Amino acid sequence: MDEIIFRAALPADLASIIALLVDDRLGRAREDASDPPAPCYVAAFAAIERDPNQMLVVAERGGAVVGSLQLSFLAGLSHRGAWRGQIEGVRIAASERGAGLGRRMIEWAIEACRQRGCRLVQLTSDKTRADAIRFYASLGFKPSHEGMKLHL
């Protein structure tokens, strides 16, 4: 089996990343898998690519995108001016689920945060994703805060 490569996403990966977002019970209702990708996705990708504190990452096997996540590096005054890494949008292709790719990808992201000088790594997961919450807990993440969102 081909080796997994973790790398920065390229514009050519955008449709594959969107397909991963759509292949999800929550994403099916909110994402748009149009080909070519809708302009909103193209603009968001360009903004992420321009921002040195953002990193859109893909896991690639045999030339195919099989996983994706976004890392945001956040400066802050709390924790004595500590930088934090925020992990978002974690998705694994259905064909790869349960084989350890998610664990490898999160471990890779944690190390990327460490290399950027982050003193804290955080993430959120929808409360209905009990399996994902158990998975993140198995990696050492603690439910230390109550997250809230306001859709605008």
N, C-alpha and C. Protein backbone atom coordinates (compact mmCIF):
# COMPACT_ATOMS: atom_id res chain seq x y z
N MET A 1 0.84 -1.18 0.00
CA MET A 1 0.00 0.00 0.00
C MET A 1 0.89 1.25 0.00
N ASP A 2 0.49 2.27 -0.73
CA ASP A 2 1.28 3.50 -0.82
C ASP A 2 1.38 4.19 0.53
N GLU A 3 2.49 4.89 0.73
CA GLU A 3 2.74 5.64 1.95
C GLU A 3 1.88 6.91 1.99
N ILE A 4 1.52 7.32 3.19
CA ILE A 4 0.78 8.57 3.38
C ILE A 4 1.77 9.72 3.42
N ILE A 5 1.43 10.79 2.73
CA ILE A 5 2.22 12.02 2.74
C ILE A 5 1.30 13.12 3.27
N PHE A 6 1.79 13.88 4.25
CA PHE A 6 1.06 15.06 4.74
C PHE A 6 1.73 16.27 4.12
N ARG A 7 0.92 17.16 3.52
CA ARG A 7 1.49 18.34 2.84
C ARG A 7 0.46 19.46 2.82
N ALA A 8 0.98 20.65 2.51
CA ALA A 8 0.09 21.80 2.32
C ALA A 8 -0.80 21.53 1.11
N ALA A 9 -2.05 21.88 1.22
CA ALA A 9 -2.99 21.71 0.12
C ALA A 9 -2.63 22.65 -1.02
N LEU A 10 -2.87 22.18 -2.23
CA LEU A 10 -2.68 22.95 -3.45
C LEU A 10 -4.04 23.29 -4.04
N PRO A 11 -4.12 24.34 -4.86
CA PRO A 11 -5.41 24.65 -5.49
C PRO A 11 -6.04 23.45 -6.20
N ALA A 12 -5.22 22.59 -6.77
CA ALA A 12 -5.74 21.41 -7.47
C ALA A 12 -6.41 20.42 -6.52
N ASP A 13 -6.17 20.55 -5.22
CA ASP A 13 -6.77 19.65 -4.21
C ASP A 13 -8.15 20.11 -3.76
N LEU A 14 -8.55 21.30 -4.14
CA LEU A 14 -9.77 21.89 -3.58
C LEU A 14 -10.99 21.01 -3.77
N ALA A 15 -11.23 20.49 -4.95
CA ALA A 15 -12.42 19.66 -5.17
C ALA A 15 -12.39 18.41 -4.30
N SER A 16 -11.23 17.82 -4.11
CA SER A 16 -11.10 16.63 -3.25
C SER A 16 -11.39 16.97 -1.80
N ILE A 17 -10.92 18.12 -1.34
CA ILE A 17 -11.18 18.54 0.04
C ILE A 17 -12.67 18.77 0.25
N ILE A 18 -13.30 19.44 -0.70
CA ILE A 18 -14.74 19.68 -0.59
C ILE A 18 -15.50 18.35 -0.58
N ALA A 19 -15.06 17.40 -1.40
CA ALA A 19 -15.71 16.08 -1.42
C ALA A 19 -15.62 15.42 -0.04
N LEU A 20 -14.49 15.58 0.65
CA LEU A 20 -14.36 15.04 2.01
C LEU A 20 -15.33 15.74 2.96
N LEU A 21 -15.49 17.05 2.81
CA LEU A 21 -16.43 17.80 3.66
C LEU A 21 -17.86 17.35 3.43
N VAL A 22 -18.20 17.04 2.18
CA VAL A 22 -19.56 16.62 1.83
C VAL A 22 -19.84 15.19 2.31
N ASP A 23 -18.81 14.34 2.34
CA ASP A 23 -18.96 12.94 2.72
C ASP A 23 -19.01 12.82 4.24
N ASP A 24 -20.00 13.44 4.82
CA ASP A 24 -20.13 13.55 6.26
C ASP A 24 -21.59 13.87 6.55
N ARG A 25 -22.16 13.28 7.58
CA ARG A 25 -23.60 13.49 7.82
C ARG A 25 -23.95 14.94 8.07
N LEU A 26 -23.05 15.72 8.68
CA LEU A 26 -23.33 17.14 8.88
C LEU A 26 -22.99 17.95 7.62
N GLY A 27 -21.92 17.59 6.96
CA GLY A 27 -21.48 18.32 5.78
C GLY A 27 -22.41 18.19 4.59
N ARG A 28 -23.10 17.05 4.48
CA ARG A 28 -24.01 16.84 3.35
C ARG A 28 -25.03 17.96 3.24
N ALA A 29 -25.48 18.46 4.38
CA ALA A 29 -26.52 19.48 4.39
C ALA A 29 -25.99 20.90 4.20
N ARG A 30 -24.68 21.11 4.42
CA ARG A 30 -24.19 22.48 4.39
C ARG A 30 -23.14 22.76 3.34
N GLU A 31 -22.60 21.73 2.71
CA GLU A 31 -21.53 21.94 1.72
C GLU A 31 -22.07 21.76 0.30
N ASP A 32 -21.30 22.19 -0.67
CA ASP A 32 -21.69 22.17 -2.08
C ASP A 32 -20.58 21.51 -2.88
N ALA A 33 -20.85 20.33 -3.41
CA ALA A 33 -19.84 19.56 -4.14
C ALA A 33 -19.82 19.86 -5.63
N SER A 34 -20.29 21.02 -6.05
CA SER A 34 -20.28 21.39 -7.46
C SER A 34 -18.87 21.29 -8.03
N ASP A 35 -18.81 20.91 -9.30
CA ASP A 35 -17.53 20.85 -10.00
C ASP A 35 -17.67 21.68 -11.27
N PRO A 36 -16.90 22.75 -11.40
CA PRO A 36 -15.82 23.20 -10.54
C PRO A 36 -16.34 23.75 -9.21
N PRO A 37 -15.44 23.87 -8.23
CA PRO A 37 -15.86 24.36 -6.91
C PRO A 37 -16.49 25.75 -7.00
N ALA A 38 -17.49 25.97 -6.16
CA ALA A 38 -18.17 27.27 -6.10
C ALA A 38 -17.16 28.37 -5.75
N PRO A 39 -17.39 29.58 -6.24
CA PRO A 39 -16.46 30.70 -5.98
C PRO A 39 -16.18 30.95 -4.50
N CYS A 40 -17.14 30.67 -3.62
CA CYS A 40 -16.91 30.89 -2.19
C CYS A 40 -15.77 30.01 -1.68
N TYR A 41 -15.67 28.78 -2.17
CA TYR A 41 -14.58 27.88 -1.77
C TYR A 41 -13.24 28.35 -2.35
N VAL A 42 -13.27 28.80 -3.59
CA VAL A 42 -12.04 29.29 -4.23
C VAL A 42 -11.50 30.50 -3.47
N ALA A 43 -12.39 31.40 -3.09
CA ALA A 43 -11.98 32.60 -2.35
C ALA A 43 -11.45 32.22 -0.96
N ALA A 44 -12.11 31.30 -0.29
CA ALA A 44 -11.66 30.87 1.04
C ALA A 44 -10.29 30.20 0.95
N PHE A 45 -10.11 29.36 -0.05
CA PHE A 45 -8.81 28.69 -0.23
C PHE A 45 -7.71 29.73 -0.45
N ALA A 46 -7.98 30.71 -1.28
CA ALA A 46 -6.99 31.76 -1.56
C ALA A 46 -6.64 32.54 -0.29
N ALA A 47 -7.64 32.83 0.53
CA ALA A 47 -7.40 33.56 1.78
C ALA A 47 -6.54 32.74 2.74
N ILE A 48 -6.83 31.45 2.83
CA ILE A 48 -6.04 30.56 3.70
C ILE A 48 -4.61 30.49 3.19
N GLU A 49 -4.46 30.36 1.89
CA GLU A 49 -3.13 30.23 1.28
C GLU A 49 -2.28 31.49 1.50
N ARG A 50 -2.90 32.65 1.52
CA ARG A 50 -2.18 33.93 1.71
C ARG A 50 -1.77 34.18 3.15
N ASP A 51 -2.48 33.59 4.09
CA ASP A 51 -2.30 33.90 5.50
C ASP A 51 -1.22 32.99 6.11
N PRO A 52 -0.11 33.56 6.58
CA PRO A 52 0.96 32.73 7.14
C PRO A 52 0.57 32.03 8.44
N ASN A 53 -0.55 32.41 9.03
CA ASN A 53 -1.01 31.76 10.26
C ASN A 53 -2.12 30.74 10.01
N GLN A 54 -2.29 30.38 8.75
CA GLN A 54 -3.26 29.36 8.36
C GLN A 54 -2.54 28.29 7.55
N MET A 55 -2.96 27.05 7.73
CA MET A 55 -2.39 25.96 6.95
C MET A 55 -3.49 24.94 6.65
N LEU A 56 -3.79 24.76 5.40
CA LEU A 56 -4.73 23.73 4.98
C LEU A 56 -3.87 22.54 4.57
N VAL A 57 -4.10 21.42 5.20
CA VAL A 57 -3.24 20.24 5.05
C VAL A 57 -4.05 19.10 4.46
N VAL A 58 -3.41 18.34 3.58
CA VAL A 58 -4.02 17.13 3.06
C VAL A 58 -3.13 15.94 3.38
N ALA A 59 -3.78 14.80 3.51
CA ALA A 59 -3.10 13.51 3.58
C ALA A 59 -3.29 12.90 2.20
N GLU A 60 -2.20 12.49 1.60
CA GLU A 60 -2.25 11.95 0.24
C GLU A 60 -1.71 10.52 0.25
N ARG A 61 -2.41 9.64 -0.45
CA ARG A 61 -1.95 8.26 -0.65
C ARG A 61 -2.07 7.94 -2.13
N GLY A 62 -0.96 7.59 -2.74
CA GLY A 62 -0.98 7.20 -4.14
C GLY A 62 -1.52 8.29 -5.05
N GLY A 63 -1.25 9.55 -4.72
CA GLY A 63 -1.70 10.66 -5.54
C GLY A 63 -3.12 11.12 -5.26
N ALA A 64 -3.83 10.44 -4.36
CA ALA A 64 -5.21 10.81 -4.03
C ALA A 64 -5.27 11.44 -2.65
N VAL A 65 -6.10 12.48 -2.51
CA VAL A 65 -6.32 13.12 -1.21
C VAL A 65 -7.26 12.21 -0.42
N VAL A 66 -6.78 11.75 0.75
CA VAL A 66 -7.56 10.84 1.59
C VAL A 66 -7.86 11.42 2.97
N GLY A 67 -7.40 12.63 3.21
CA GLY A 67 -7.68 13.30 4.48
C GLY A 67 -7.37 14.78 4.37
N SER A 68 -7.96 15.55 5.27
CA SER A 68 -7.72 16.99 5.27
C SER A 68 -7.99 17.56 6.65
N LEU A 69 -7.31 18.65 6.95
CA LEU A 69 -7.59 19.43 8.14
C LEU A 69 -7.04 20.83 7.94
N GLN A 70 -7.50 21.74 8.75
CA GLN A 70 -6.99 23.12 8.74
C GLN A 70 -6.38 23.42 10.09
N LEU A 71 -5.18 24.01 10.06
CA LEU A 71 -4.51 24.49 11.26
C LEU A 71 -4.51 26.00 11.24
N SER A 72 -4.90 26.59 12.34
CA SER A 72 -4.81 28.04 12.50
C SER A 72 -3.89 28.29 13.68
N PHE A 73 -2.97 29.21 13.51
CA PHE A 73 -2.03 29.57 14.56
C PHE A 73 -2.47 30.91 15.13
N LEU A 74 -2.82 30.92 16.41
CA LEU A 74 -3.45 32.07 17.04
C LEU A 74 -2.54 32.68 18.10
N ALA A 75 -2.25 33.96 17.95
CA ALA A 75 -1.49 34.68 18.96
C ALA A 75 -2.46 35.10 20.06
N GLY A 76 -1.97 35.16 21.28
CA GLY A 76 -2.83 35.60 22.37
C GLY A 76 -2.02 36.10 23.55
N LEU A 77 -2.65 36.86 24.40
CA LEU A 77 -1.99 37.38 25.59
C LEU A 77 -2.09 36.40 26.76
N SER A 78 -3.18 35.63 26.82
CA SER A 78 -3.32 34.71 27.94
C SER A 78 -2.27 33.60 27.87
N HIS A 79 -2.09 32.94 28.98
CA HIS A 79 -1.04 31.91 29.09
C HIS A 79 0.33 32.51 28.79
N ARG A 80 0.50 33.76 29.27
CA ARG A 80 1.79 34.46 29.13
C ARG A 80 2.18 34.68 27.67
N GLY A 81 1.20 35.06 26.87
CA GLY A 81 1.47 35.38 25.47
C GLY A 81 1.65 34.16 24.59
N ALA A 82 1.09 33.05 24.99
CA ALA A 82 1.28 31.79 24.25
C ALA A 82 0.55 31.79 22.92
N TRP A 83 1.19 31.19 21.94
CA TRP A 83 0.54 30.87 20.68
C TRP A 83 -0.23 29.57 20.88
N ARG A 84 -1.36 29.45 20.19
CA ARG A 84 -2.11 28.20 20.21
C ARG A 84 -2.36 27.74 18.78
N GLY A 85 -2.44 26.46 18.64
CA GLY A 85 -2.83 25.86 17.37
C GLY A 85 -4.28 25.44 17.46
N GLN A 86 -5.06 25.79 16.45
CA GLN A 86 -6.47 25.42 16.39
C GLN A 86 -6.63 24.44 15.23
N ILE A 87 -7.11 23.24 15.51
CA ILE A 87 -7.35 22.22 14.49
C ILE A 87 -8.83 22.25 14.14
N GLU A 88 -9.13 22.34 12.86
CA GLU A 88 -10.51 22.40 12.39
C GLU A 88 -10.68 21.55 11.14
N GLY A 89 -11.92 21.24 10.82
CA GLY A 89 -12.26 20.62 9.55
C GLY A 89 -11.57 19.30 9.29
N VAL A 90 -11.42 18.47 10.31
CA VAL A 90 -10.75 17.18 10.14
C VAL A 90 -11.68 16.23 9.40
N ARG A 91 -11.20 15.70 8.32
CA ARG A 91 -11.98 14.74 7.54
C ARG A 91 -11.06 13.65 7.00
N ILE A 92 -11.56 12.42 7.01
CA ILE A 92 -10.85 11.25 6.50
C ILE A 92 -11.77 10.58 5.47
N ALA A 93 -11.20 10.17 4.35
CA ALA A 93 -11.97 9.48 3.31
C ALA A 93 -12.58 8.21 3.89
N ALA A 94 -13.79 7.87 3.47
CA ALA A 94 -14.49 6.68 3.98
C ALA A 94 -13.62 5.43 3.84
N SER A 95 -12.88 5.33 2.76
CA SER A 95 -12.04 4.15 2.50
C SER A 95 -10.88 4.02 3.49
N GLU A 96 -10.57 5.09 4.22
CA GLU A 96 -9.43 5.10 5.14
C GLU A 96 -9.84 5.09 6.61
N ARG A 97 -11.13 5.23 6.89
CA ARG A 97 -11.57 5.34 8.28
C ARG A 97 -11.33 4.04 9.04
N GLY A 98 -10.92 4.20 10.28
CA GLY A 98 -10.70 3.05 11.15
C GLY A 98 -9.33 2.39 10.99
N ALA A 99 -8.49 2.94 10.13
CA ALA A 99 -7.17 2.33 9.87
C ALA A 99 -6.02 3.11 10.50
N GLY A 100 -6.33 4.15 11.29
CA GLY A 100 -5.28 4.88 11.98
C GLY A 100 -4.83 6.17 11.32
N LEU A 101 -5.38 6.50 10.15
CA LEU A 101 -4.97 7.72 9.47
C LEU A 101 -5.34 8.96 10.28
N GLY A 102 -6.52 8.99 10.88
CA GLY A 102 -6.92 10.15 11.66
C GLY A 102 -5.95 10.40 12.81
N ARG A 103 -5.55 9.37 13.50
CA ARG A 103 -4.58 9.49 14.59
C ARG A 103 -3.26 10.03 14.08
N ARG A 104 -2.78 9.48 12.98
CA ARG A 104 -1.51 9.95 12.40
C ARG A 104 -1.62 11.41 11.99
N MET A 105 -2.76 11.79 11.41
CA MET A 105 -2.92 13.17 10.94
C MET A 105 -2.97 14.15 12.12
N ILE A 106 -3.67 13.81 13.19
CA ILE A 106 -3.73 14.70 14.36
C ILE A 106 -2.36 14.77 15.03
N GLU A 107 -1.67 13.65 15.14
CA GLU A 107 -0.32 13.67 15.70
C GLU A 107 0.61 14.55 14.86
N TRP A 108 0.46 14.49 13.54
CA TRP A 108 1.25 15.34 12.64
C TRP A 108 0.92 16.81 12.92
N ALA A 109 -0.36 17.11 13.07
CA ALA A 109 -0.79 18.50 13.32
C ALA A 109 -0.26 19.00 14.66
N ILE A 110 -0.29 18.16 15.68
CA ILE A 110 0.23 18.55 16.99
C ILE A 110 1.72 18.87 16.87
N GLU A 111 2.45 18.06 16.15
CA GLU A 111 3.89 18.32 15.97
C GLU A 111 4.12 19.61 15.17
N ALA A 112 3.29 19.87 14.16
CA ALA A 112 3.40 21.13 13.41
C ALA A 112 3.18 22.32 14.33
N CYS A 113 2.24 22.21 15.26
CA CYS A 113 1.99 23.28 16.24
C CYS A 113 3.20 23.45 17.15
N ARG A 114 3.75 22.34 17.61
CA ARG A 114 4.94 22.40 18.47
C ARG A 114 6.09 23.10 17.74
N GLN A 115 6.28 22.76 16.48
CA GLN A 115 7.36 23.37 15.70
C GLN A 115 7.14 24.86 15.48
N ARG A 116 5.89 25.30 15.47
CA ARG A 116 5.58 26.73 15.33
C ARG A 116 5.65 27.47 16.66
N GLY A 117 5.98 26.77 17.74
CA GLY A 117 6.11 27.42 19.04
C GLY A 117 4.82 27.50 19.83
N CYS A 118 3.80 26.79 19.41
CA CYS A 118 2.54 26.80 20.16
C CYS A 118 2.73 26.09 21.49
N ARG A 119 2.07 26.63 22.51
CA ARG A 119 2.11 26.01 23.83
C ARG A 119 0.81 25.28 24.14
N LEU A 120 -0.13 25.32 23.21
CA LEU A 120 -1.44 24.75 23.44
C LEU A 120 -2.03 24.40 22.07
N VAL A 121 -2.69 23.27 21.99
CA VAL A 121 -3.42 22.88 20.79
C VAL A 121 -4.87 22.66 21.19
N GLN A 122 -5.78 23.23 20.43
CA GLN A 122 -7.20 23.12 20.76
C GLN A 122 -7.98 22.72 19.51
N LEU A 123 -9.16 22.19 19.75
CA LEU A 123 -10.06 21.86 18.65
C LEU A 123 -11.48 21.83 19.19
N THR A 124 -12.42 21.85 18.29
CA THR A 124 -13.81 21.67 18.67
C THR A 124 -14.36 20.51 17.87
N SER A 125 -15.39 19.89 18.40
CA SER A 125 -16.09 18.84 17.68
C SER A 125 -17.57 18.98 17.99
N ASP A 126 -18.39 18.82 16.99
CA ASP A 126 -19.83 18.90 17.19
C ASP A 126 -20.23 17.91 18.28
N LYS A 127 -21.10 18.33 19.19
CA LYS A 127 -21.49 17.49 20.32
C LYS A 127 -22.15 16.18 19.88
N THR A 128 -22.69 16.14 18.66
CA THR A 128 -23.33 14.92 18.19
C THR A 128 -22.31 13.90 17.68
N ARG A 129 -21.05 14.26 17.61
CA ARG A 129 -20.01 13.35 17.11
C ARG A 129 -19.34 12.62 18.29
N ALA A 130 -20.08 11.74 18.92
CA ALA A 130 -19.57 11.04 20.10
C ALA A 130 -18.30 10.26 19.79
N ASP A 131 -18.24 9.59 18.65
CA ASP A 131 -17.04 8.83 18.29
C ASP A 131 -15.83 9.74 18.13
N ALA A 132 -16.03 10.90 17.50
CA ALA A 132 -14.92 11.84 17.31
C ALA A 132 -14.45 12.38 18.66
N ILE A 133 -15.38 12.66 19.55
CA ILE A 133 -15.01 13.17 20.87
C ILE A 133 -14.19 12.13 21.63
N ARG A 134 -14.61 10.86 21.58
CA ARG A 134 -13.83 9.79 22.21
C ARG A 134 -12.45 9.67 21.57
N PHE A 135 -12.38 9.80 20.25
CA PHE A 135 -11.11 9.73 19.53
C PHE A 135 -10.16 10.83 20.01
N TYR A 136 -10.64 12.08 20.07
CA TYR A 136 -9.79 13.19 20.50
C TYR A 136 -9.36 13.00 21.96
N ALA A 137 -10.24 12.48 22.80
CA ALA A 137 -9.87 12.21 24.19
C ALA A 137 -8.76 11.16 24.25
N SER A 138 -8.81 10.17 23.35
CA SER A 138 -7.76 9.13 23.34
C SER A 138 -6.40 9.70 22.96
N LEU A 139 -6.39 10.86 22.34
CA LEU A 139 -5.15 11.54 21.96
C LEU A 139 -4.69 12.52 23.04
N GLY A 140 -5.43 12.62 24.13
CA GLY A 140 -5.03 13.48 25.24
C GLY A 140 -5.78 14.80 25.33
N PHE A 141 -6.70 15.08 24.41
CA PHE A 141 -7.48 16.31 24.48
C PHE A 141 -8.48 16.19 25.62
N LYS A 142 -8.65 17.28 26.34
CA LYS A 142 -9.56 17.33 27.49
C LYS A 142 -10.71 18.29 27.20
N PRO A 143 -11.92 17.90 27.61
CA PRO A 143 -13.07 18.81 27.44
C PRO A 143 -13.05 19.89 28.52
N SER A 144 -12.15 20.85 28.38
CA SER A 144 -11.90 21.84 29.42
C SER A 144 -12.78 23.08 29.33
N HIS A 145 -13.42 23.29 28.19
CA HIS A 145 -14.22 24.49 27.99
C HIS A 145 -15.54 24.12 27.31
N GLU A 146 -16.49 24.99 27.44
CA GLU A 146 -17.76 24.85 26.73
C GLU A 146 -17.70 25.76 25.53
N GLY A 147 -17.74 25.22 24.32
CA GLY A 147 -17.69 26.03 23.11
C GLY A 147 -19.08 26.50 22.70
N MET A 148 -19.12 27.68 22.13
CA MET A 148 -20.39 28.23 21.65
C MET A 148 -20.17 28.86 20.29
N LYS A 149 -21.20 28.85 19.46
CA LYS A 149 -21.14 29.48 18.14
C LYS A 149 -22.41 30.28 17.92
N LEU A 150 -22.26 31.32 17.13
CA LEU A 150 -23.40 32.14 16.72
C LEU A 150 -23.32 32.25 15.21
N HIS A 151 -24.25 31.63 14.52
CA HIS A 151 -24.27 31.71 13.05
C HIS A 151 -24.81 33.07 12.62
N LEU A 152 -24.10 33.71 11.73
CA LEU A 152 -24.49 35.04 11.24
C LEU A 152 -25.01 34.95 9.82
